[in-house]
PDB file of N, CA and C in Angstrom:
ATOM      1  N   MET A   1     -79.873 115.226  16.434  1.00  0.00           N
ATOM      2  CA  MET A   1     -79.265 115.086  15.132  1.00  0.00           C
ATOM      3  C   MET A   1     -78.283 113.908  15.176  1.00  0.00           C
ATOM      4  N   ILE A   2     -78.263 113.120  14.106  1.00  0.00           N
ATOM      5  CA  ILE A   2     -77.403 111.941  14.011  1.00  0.00           C
ATOM      6  C   ILE A   2     -76.149 112.279  13.215  1.00  0.00           C
ATOM      7  N   HIS A   3     -75.015 111.813  13.704  1.00  0.00           N
ATOM      8  CA  HIS A   3     -73.719 112.028  13.070  1.00  0.00           C
ATOM      9  C   HIS A   3     -73.220 110.660  12.589  1.00  0.00           C
ATOM     10  N   ASN A   4     -72.936 110.524  11.279  1.00  0.00           N
ATOM     11  CA  ASN A   4     -72.480 109.260  10.701  1.00  0.00           C
ATOM     12  C   ASN A   4     -71.056 109.393  10.191  1.00  0.00           C
ATOM     13  N   LYS A   5     -70.276 108.338  10.392  1.00  0.00           N
ATOM     14  CA  LYS A   5     -68.928 108.251   9.832  1.00  0.00           C
ATOM     15  C   LYS A   5     -68.776 106.862   9.231  1.00  0.00           C
ATOM     16  N   CYS A   6     -68.120 106.799   8.073  1.00  0.00           N
ATOM     17  CA  CYS A   6     -67.918 105.524   7.403  1.00  0.00           C
ATOM     18  C   CYS A   6     -66.443 105.170   7.386  1.00  0.00           C
ATOM     19  N   PHE A   7     -66.163 103.880   7.570  1.00  0.00           N
ATOM     20  CA  PHE A   7     -64.794 103.397   7.597  1.00  0.00           C
ATOM     21  C   PHE A   7     -64.685 102.076   6.863  1.00  0.00           C
ATOM     22  N   ARG A   8     -63.523 101.840   6.293  1.00  0.00           N
ATOM     23  CA  ARG A   8     -63.166 100.536   5.740  1.00  0.00           C
ATOM     24  C   ARG A   8     -62.116  99.960   6.675  1.00  0.00           C
ATOM     25  N   ILE A   9     -62.330  98.709   7.084  1.00  0.00           N
ATOM     26  CA  ILE A   9     -61.398  98.029   7.970  1.00  0.00           C
ATOM     27  C   ILE A   9     -61.030  96.683   7.349  1.00  0.00           C
ATOM     28  N   ARG A  10     -60.056  96.025   7.934  1.00  0.00           N
ATOM     29  CA  ARG A  10     -59.734  94.678   7.464  1.00  0.00           C
ATOM     30  C   ARG A  10     -60.887  93.762   7.853  1.00  0.00           C
ATOM     31  N   SER A  11     -61.286  92.892   6.930  1.00  0.00           N
ATOM     32  CA  SER A  11     -62.445  92.035   7.196  1.00  0.00           C
ATOM     33  C   SER A  11     -62.234  91.167   8.434  1.00  0.00           C
ATOM     34  N   LYS A  12     -60.998  90.760   8.712  1.00  0.00           N
ATOM     35  CA  LYS A  12     -60.755  89.934   9.898  1.00  0.00           C
ATOM     36  C   LYS A  12     -60.990  90.704  11.199  1.00  0.00           C
ATOM     37  N   ASP A  13     -60.987  92.040  11.148  1.00  0.00           N
ATOM     38  CA  ASP A  13     -61.188  92.877  12.330  1.00  0.00           C
ATOM     39  C   ASP A  13     -62.630  93.358  12.495  1.00  0.00           C
ATOM     40  N   LEU A  14     -63.471  93.062  11.530  1.00  0.00           N
ATOM     41  CA  LEU A  14     -64.835  93.599  11.508  1.00  0.00           C
ATOM     42  C   LEU A  14     -65.605  93.284  12.790  1.00  0.00           C
ATOM     43  N   ALA A  15     -65.687  92.019  13.158  1.00  0.00           N
ATOM     44  CA  ALA A  15     -66.473  91.634  14.338  1.00  0.00           C
ATOM     45  C   ALA A  15     -65.905  92.243  15.617  1.00  0.00           C
ATOM     46  N   LEU A  16     -64.587  92.245  15.749  1.00  0.00           N
ATOM     47  CA  LEU A  16     -63.971  92.771  16.971  1.00  0.00           C
ATOM     48  C   LEU A  16     -64.189  94.280  17.118  1.00  0.00           C
ATOM     49  N   VAL A  17     -64.031  95.020  16.026  1.00  0.00           N
ATOM     50  CA  VAL A  17     -64.245  96.471  16.088  1.00  0.00           C
ATOM     51  C   VAL A  17     -65.704  96.781  16.424  1.00  0.00           C
ATOM     52  N   LYS A  18     -66.634  96.044  15.807  1.00  0.00           N
ATOM     53  CA  LYS A  18     -68.055  96.239  16.141  1.00  0.00           C
ATOM     54  C   LYS A  18     -68.305  95.933  17.614  1.00  0.00           C
ATOM     55  N   PHE A  19     -67.708  94.860  18.105  1.00  0.00           N
ATOM     56  CA  PHE A  19     -67.876  94.474  19.507  1.00  0.00           C
ATOM     57  C   PHE A  19     -67.354  95.563  20.442  1.00  0.00           C
ATOM     58  N   ILE A  20     -66.191  96.111  20.147  1.00  0.00           N
ATOM     59  CA  ILE A  20     -65.604  97.171  20.972  1.00  0.00           C
ATOM     60  C   ILE A  20     -66.516  98.400  20.994  1.00  0.00           C
ATOM     61  N   LEU A  21     -66.944  98.845  19.829  1.00  0.00           N
ATOM     62  CA  LEU A  21     -67.777 100.054  19.764  1.00  0.00           C
ATOM     63  C   LEU A  21     -69.138  99.846  20.417  1.00  0.00           C
ATOM     64  N   GLU A  22     -69.735  98.686  20.209  1.00  0.00           N
ATOM     65  CA  GLU A  22     -71.046  98.439  20.802  1.00  0.00           C
ATOM     66  C   GLU A  22     -70.956  98.202  22.308  1.00  0.00           C
ATOM     67  N   GLY A  23     -69.729  97.952  22.795  1.00  0.00           N
ATOM     68  CA  GLY A  23     -69.528  97.814  24.235  1.00  0.00           C
ATOM     69  C   GLY A  23     -69.747  99.118  24.986  1.00  0.00           C
ATOM     70  N   TYR A  24     -69.616 100.232  24.283  1.00  0.00           N
ATOM     71  CA  TYR A  24     -69.923 101.540  24.868  1.00  0.00           C
ATOM     72  C   TYR A  24     -71.425 101.759  24.688  1.00  0.00           C
ATOM     73  N   GLU A  25     -72.186 101.053  25.475  1.00  0.00           N
ATOM     74  CA  GLU A  25     -73.634 100.983  25.320  1.00  0.00           C
ATOM     75  C   GLU A  25     -74.276 102.369  25.228  1.00  0.00           C
ATOM     76  N   GLY A  26     -75.055 102.566  24.183  1.00  0.00           N
ATOM     77  CA  GLY A  26     -75.771 103.813  23.986  1.00  0.00           C
ATOM     78  C   GLY A  26     -74.968 104.905  23.294  1.00  0.00           C
ATOM     79  N   LEU A  27     -73.671 104.673  23.079  1.00  0.00           N
ATOM     80  CA  LEU A  27     -72.827 105.688  22.469  1.00  0.00           C
ATOM     81  C   LEU A  27     -72.980 105.717  20.951  1.00  0.00           C
ATOM     82  N   ALA A  28     -73.000 104.538  20.339  1.00  0.00           N
ATOM     83  CA  ALA A  28     -73.016 104.488  18.872  1.00  0.00           C
ATOM     84  C   ALA A  28     -73.662 103.206  18.385  1.00  0.00           C
ATOM     85  N   THR A  29     -74.079 103.244  17.144  1.00  0.00           N
ATOM     86  CA  THR A  29     -74.585 102.076  16.444  1.00  0.00           C
ATOM     87  C   THR A  29     -73.654 101.808  15.282  1.00  0.00           C
ATOM     88  N   VAL A  30     -73.270 100.548  15.115  1.00  0.00           N
ATOM     89  CA  VAL A  30     -72.380 100.166  14.027  1.00  0.00           C
ATOM     90  C   VAL A  30     -73.182  99.344  13.029  1.00  0.00           C
ATOM     91  N   THR A  31     -73.167  99.780  11.778  1.00  0.00           N
ATOM     92  CA  THR A  31     -73.871  99.094  10.709  1.00  0.00           C
ATOM     93  C   THR A  31     -72.864  98.642   9.672  1.00  0.00           C
ATOM     94  N   THR A  32     -72.951  97.379   9.281  1.00  0.00           N
ATOM     95  CA  THR A  32     -72.094  96.882   8.207  1.00  0.00           C
ATOM     96  C   THR A  32     -72.725  97.299   6.884  1.00  0.00           C
ATOM     97  N   ILE A  33     -71.992  98.077   6.109  1.00  0.00           N
ATOM     98  CA  ILE A  33     -72.478  98.542   4.810  1.00  0.00           C
ATOM     99  C   ILE A  33     -72.192  97.487   3.746  1.00  0.00           C
ATOM    100  N   ASP A  34     -70.975  96.955   3.776  1.00  0.00           N
ATOM    101  CA  ASP A  34     -70.549  95.955   2.796  1.00  0.00           C
ATOM    102  C   ASP A  34     -69.636  94.971   3.512  1.00  0.00           C
ATOM    103  N   ARG A  35     -70.137  93.760   3.725  1.00  0.00           N
ATOM    104  CA  ARG A  35     -69.394  92.755   4.487  1.00  0.00           C
ATOM    105  C   ARG A  35     -68.109  92.344   3.771  1.00  0.00           C
ATOM    106  N   GLN A  36     -68.160  92.186   2.455  1.00  0.00           N
ATOM    107  CA  GLN A  36     -66.974  91.761   1.703  1.00  0.00           C
ATOM    108  C   GLN A  36     -65.871  92.815   1.726  1.00  0.00           C
ATOM    109  N   ALA A  37     -66.246  94.075   1.588  1.00  0.00           N
ATOM    110  CA  ALA A  37     -65.262  95.162   1.617  1.00  0.00           C
ATOM    111  C   ALA A  37     -64.931  95.587   3.046  1.00  0.00           C
ATOM    112  N   ALA A  38     -65.688  95.053   4.023  1.00  0.00           N
ATOM    113  CA  ALA A  38     -65.556  95.415   5.442  1.00  0.00           C
ATOM    114  C   ALA A  38     -65.756  96.911   5.643  1.00  0.00           C
ATOM    115  N   ASP A  39     -66.814  97.432   5.031  1.00  0.00           N
ATOM    116  CA  ASP A  39     -67.197  98.832   5.196  1.00  0.00           C
ATOM    117  C   ASP A  39     -68.245  98.929   6.295  1.00  0.00           C
ATOM    118  N   ILE A  40     -68.029  99.848   7.240  1.00  0.00           N
ATOM    119  CA  ILE A  40     -68.985 100.056   8.317  1.00  0.00           C
ATOM    120  C   ILE A  40     -69.377 101.526   8.395  1.00  0.00           C
ATOM    121  N   MET A  41     -70.563 101.754   8.942  1.00  0.00           N
ATOM    122  CA  MET A  41     -71.005 103.115   9.234  1.00  0.00           C
ATOM    123  C   MET A  41     -71.261 103.174  10.742  1.00  0.00           C
ATOM    124  N   ILE A  42     -70.670 104.172  11.376  1.00  0.00           N
ATOM    125  CA  ILE A  42     -70.843 104.378  12.807  1.00  0.00           C
ATOM    126  C   ILE A  42     -71.726 105.605  12.979  1.00  0.00           C
ATOM    127  N   SER A  43     -72.843 105.415  13.679  1.00  0.00           N
ATOM    128  CA  SER A  43     -73.805 106.497  13.890  1.00  0.00           C
ATOM    129  C   SER A  43     -73.899 106.815  15.373  1.00  0.00           C
ATOM    130  N   THR A  44     -73.937 108.106  15.664  1.00  0.00           N
ATOM    131  CA  THR A  44     -74.078 108.534  17.056  1.00  0.00           C
ATOM    132  C   THR A  44     -74.849 109.854  17.098  1.00  0.00           C
ATOM    133  N   SER A  45     -75.321 110.171  18.260  1.00  0.00           N
ATOM    134  CA  SER A  45     -75.939 111.470  18.479  1.00  0.00           C
ATOM    135  C   SER A  45     -74.841 112.525  18.418  1.00  0.00           C
ATOM    136  N   ILE A  46     -75.166 113.680  17.907  1.00  0.00           N
ATOM    137  CA  ILE A  46     -74.190 114.770  17.824  1.00  0.00           C
ATOM    138  C   ILE A  46     -73.625 115.091  19.218  1.00  0.00           C
ATOM    139  N   ASP A  47     -74.407 114.818  20.259  1.00  0.00           N
ATOM    140  CA  ASP A  47     -73.962 115.071  21.635  1.00  0.00           C
ATOM    141  C   ASP A  47     -72.775 114.190  22.032  1.00  0.00           C
ATOM    142  N   PHE A  48     -72.648 113.018  21.401  1.00  0.00           N
ATOM    143  CA  PHE A  48     -71.580 112.080  21.740  1.00  0.00           C
ATOM    144  C   PHE A  48     -70.475 112.036  20.694  1.00  0.00           C
ATOM    145  N   SER A  49     -70.519 112.900  19.697  1.00  0.00           N
ATOM    146  CA  SER A  49     -69.562 112.810  18.591  1.00  0.00           C
ATOM    147  C   SER A  49     -68.112 113.029  19.034  1.00  0.00           C
ATOM    148  N   ILE A  50     -67.868 113.909  19.995  1.00  0.00           N
ATOM    149  CA  ILE A  50     -66.497 114.135  20.477  1.00  0.00           C
ATOM    150  C   ILE A  50     -65.987 112.885  21.195  1.00  0.00           C
ATOM    151  N   ASP A  51     -66.835 112.296  22.052  1.00  0.00           N
ATOM    152  CA  ASP A  51     -66.451 111.065  22.741  1.00  0.00           C
ATOM    153  C   ASP A  51     -66.157 109.954  21.736  1.00  0.00           C
ATOM    154  N   LEU A  52     -67.003 109.824  20.737  1.00  0.00           N
ATOM    155  CA  LEU A  52     -66.807 108.793  19.719  1.00  0.00           C
ATOM    156  C   LEU A  52     -65.521 109.032  18.944  1.00  0.00           C
ATOM    157  N   ASP A  53     -65.230 110.269  18.601  1.00  0.00           N
ATOM    158  CA  ASP A  53     -63.986 110.580  17.890  1.00  0.00           C
ATOM    159  C   ASP A  53     -62.761 110.140  18.693  1.00  0.00           C
ATOM    160  N   GLU A  54     -62.797 110.343  19.997  1.00  0.00           N
ATOM    161  CA  GLU A  54     -61.681 109.928  20.849  1.00  0.00           C
ATOM    162  C   GLU A  54     -61.532 108.404  20.863  1.00  0.00           C
ATOM    163  N   ILE A  55     -62.633 107.706  20.915  1.00  0.00           N
ATOM    164  CA  ILE A  55     -62.605 106.243  20.903  1.00  0.00           C
ATOM    165  C   ILE A  55     -62.101 105.734  19.560  1.00  0.00           C
ATOM    166  N   ILE A  56     -62.553 106.352  18.477  1.00  0.00           N
ATOM    167  CA  ILE A  56     -62.103 105.948  17.145  1.00  0.00           C
ATOM    168  C   ILE A  56     -60.601 106.162  17.000  1.00  0.00           C
ATOM    169  N   GLU A  57     -60.088 107.258  17.516  1.00  0.00           N
ATOM    170  CA  GLU A  57     -58.640 107.507  17.455  1.00  0.00           C
ATOM    171  C   GLU A  57     -57.875 106.419  18.214  1.00  0.00           C
ATOM    172  N   ALA A  58     -58.395 105.984  19.342  1.00  0.00           N
ATOM    173  CA  ALA A  58     -57.751 104.910  20.107  1.00  0.00           C
ATOM    174  C   ALA A  58     -57.813 103.589  19.331  1.00  0.00           C
ATOM    175  N   ILE A  59     -58.933 103.315  18.696  1.00  0.00           N
ATOM    176  CA  ILE A  59     -59.082 102.089  17.906  1.00  0.00           C
ATOM    177  C   ILE A  59     -58.127 102.099  16.722  1.00  0.00           C
ATOM    178  N   LYS A  60     -57.918 103.267  16.118  1.00  0.00           N
ATOM    179  CA  LYS A  60     -57.007 103.384  14.970  1.00  0.00           C
ATOM    180  C   LYS A  60     -55.581 102.993  15.324  1.00  0.00           C
ATOM    181  N   LYS A  61     -55.228 103.079  16.591  1.00  0.00           N
ATOM    182  CA  LYS A  61     -53.874 102.697  17.016  1.00  0.00           C
ATOM    183  C   LYS A  61     -53.676 101.183  16.962  1.00  0.00           C
ATOM    184  N   GLU A  62     -54.766 100.438  17.033  1.00  0.00           N
ATOM    185  CA  GLU A  62     -54.700  98.978  17.044  1.00  0.00           C
ATOM    186  C   GLU A  62     -55.188  98.338  15.743  1.00  0.00           C
ATOM    187  N   PHE A  63     -56.077  99.028  15.039  1.00  0.00           N
ATOM    188  CA  PHE A  63     -56.703  98.474  13.840  1.00  0.00           C
ATOM    189  C   PHE A  63     -56.581  99.464  12.685  1.00  0.00           C
ATOM    190  N   SER A  64     -56.644  98.948  11.492  1.00  0.00           N
ATOM    191  CA  SER A  64     -56.610  99.791  10.304  1.00  0.00           C
ATOM    192  C   SER A  64     -58.024 100.301  10.014  1.00  0.00           C
ATOM    193  N   LEU A  65     -58.255 101.583  10.231  1.00  0.00           N
ATOM    194  CA  LEU A  65     -59.543 102.214   9.920  1.00  0.00           C
ATOM    195  C   LEU A  65     -59.290 103.305   8.895  1.00  0.00           C
ATOM    196  N   GLU A  66     -59.910 103.173   7.743  1.00  0.00           N
ATOM    197  CA  GLU A  66     -59.755 104.161   6.680  1.00  0.00           C
ATOM    198  C   GLU A  66     -61.112 104.823   6.454  1.00  0.00           C
ATOM    199  N   GLY A  67     -61.202 106.098   6.770  1.00  0.00           N
ATOM    200  CA  GLY A  67     -62.458 106.817   6.608  1.00  0.00           C
ATOM    201  C   GLY A  67     -62.776 107.089   5.148  1.00  0.00           C
ATOM    202  N   PHE A  68     -64.075 107.115   4.830  1.00  0.00           N
ATOM    203  CA  PHE A  68     -64.520 107.486   3.497  1.00  0.00           C
ATOM    204  C   PHE A  68     -65.893 108.124   3.594  1.00  0.00           C
ATOM    205  N   ARG A  69     -66.250 108.833   2.554  1.00  0.00           N
ATOM    206  CA  ARG A  69     -67.569 109.482   2.494  1.00  0.00           C
ATOM    207  C   ARG A  69     -68.522 108.601   1.725  1.00  0.00           C
ATOM    208  N   LEU A  70     -69.707 108.450   2.237  1.00  0.00           N
ATOM    209  CA  LEU A  70     -70.759 107.695   1.583  1.00  0.00           C
ATOM    210  C   LEU A  70     -71.621 108.682   0.822  1.00  0.00           C
ATOM    211  N   LEU A  71     -71.714 108.498  -0.470  1.00  0.00           N
ATOM    212  CA  LEU A  71     -72.519 109.396  -1.285  1.00  0.00           C
ATOM    213  C   LEU A  71     -73.993 109.232  -0.967  1.00  0.00           C
ATOM    214  N   GLU A  72     -74.748 110.287  -1.153  1.00  0.00           N
ATOM    215  CA  GLU A  72     -76.172 110.257  -0.882  1.00  0.00           C
ATOM    216  C   GLU A  72     -76.819 109.121  -1.664  1.00  0.00           C
ATOM    217  N   ASN A  73     -77.677 108.352  -1.018  1.00  0.00           N
ATOM    218  CA  ASN A  73     -78.397 107.211  -1.583  1.00  0.00           C
ATOM    219  C   ASN A  73     -77.502 106.010  -1.847  1.00  0.00           C
ATOM    220  N   GLU A  74     -76.205 106.087  -1.614  1.00  0.00           N
ATOM    221  CA  GLU A  74     -75.330 104.939  -1.863  1.00  0.00           C
ATOM    222  C   GLU A  74     -75.612 103.817  -0.879  1.00  0.00           C
ATOM    223  N   PHE A  75     -75.900 104.144   0.375  1.00  0.00           N
ATOM    224  CA  PHE A  75     -76.174 103.117   1.378  1.00  0.00           C
ATOM    225  C   PHE A  75     -77.391 102.290   0.995  1.00  0.00           C
ATOM    226  N   SER A  76     -78.453 102.949   0.565  1.00  0.00           N
ATOM    227  CA  SER A  76     -79.663 102.213   0.208  1.00  0.00           C
ATOM    228  C   SER A  76     -79.442 101.325  -1.015  1.00  0.00           C
ATOM    229  N   SER A  77     -78.620 101.783  -1.964  1.00  0.00           N
ATOM    230  CA  SER A  77     -78.364 100.951  -3.134  1.00  0.00           C
ATOM    231  C   SER A  77     -77.488  99.754  -2.765  1.00  0.00           C
ATOM    232  N   ARG A  78     -76.593  99.901  -1.789  1.00  0.00           N
ATOM    233  CA  ARG A  78     -75.777  98.770  -1.349  1.00  0.00           C
ATOM    234  C   ARG A  78     -76.626  97.741  -0.619  1.00  0.00           C
ATOM    235  N   GLU A  79     -77.635  98.180   0.116  1.00  0.00           N
ATOM    236  CA  GLU A  79     -78.512  97.262   0.830  1.00  0.00           C
ATOM    237  C   GLU A  79     -79.275  96.370  -0.130  1.00  0.00           C
ATOM    238  N   GLU A  80     -79.615  96.877  -1.290  1.00  0.00           N
ATOM    239  CA  GLU A  80     -80.413  96.132  -2.251  1.00  0.00           C
ATOM    240  C   GLU A  80     -79.620  95.054  -2.952  1.00  0.00           C
ATOM    241  N   GLU A  81     -78.283  95.118  -2.932  1.00  0.00           N
ATOM    242  CA  GLU A  81     -77.447  94.132  -3.627  1.00  0.00           C
ATOM    243  C   GLU A  81     -77.460  92.794  -2.948  1.00  0.00           C
TER     244      GLU A  81
END
């Protein structure tokens, strides 16, 4: 089962946060939902969700991460824009 979390970050931090998360190879996938708004979706296996939560909490100490819920079908409509 896949566990997704969505966050809004400062656009200047987008590449660095993605780089940090993807450095934990195999732990999570980071998808940019909206580049202008700097919205990302972090996906992981439910088996790694606790580990990912701990990493996200550490990242929040250095970067502004604001969680939000993505409504059903909203991701696909954003891709089409």
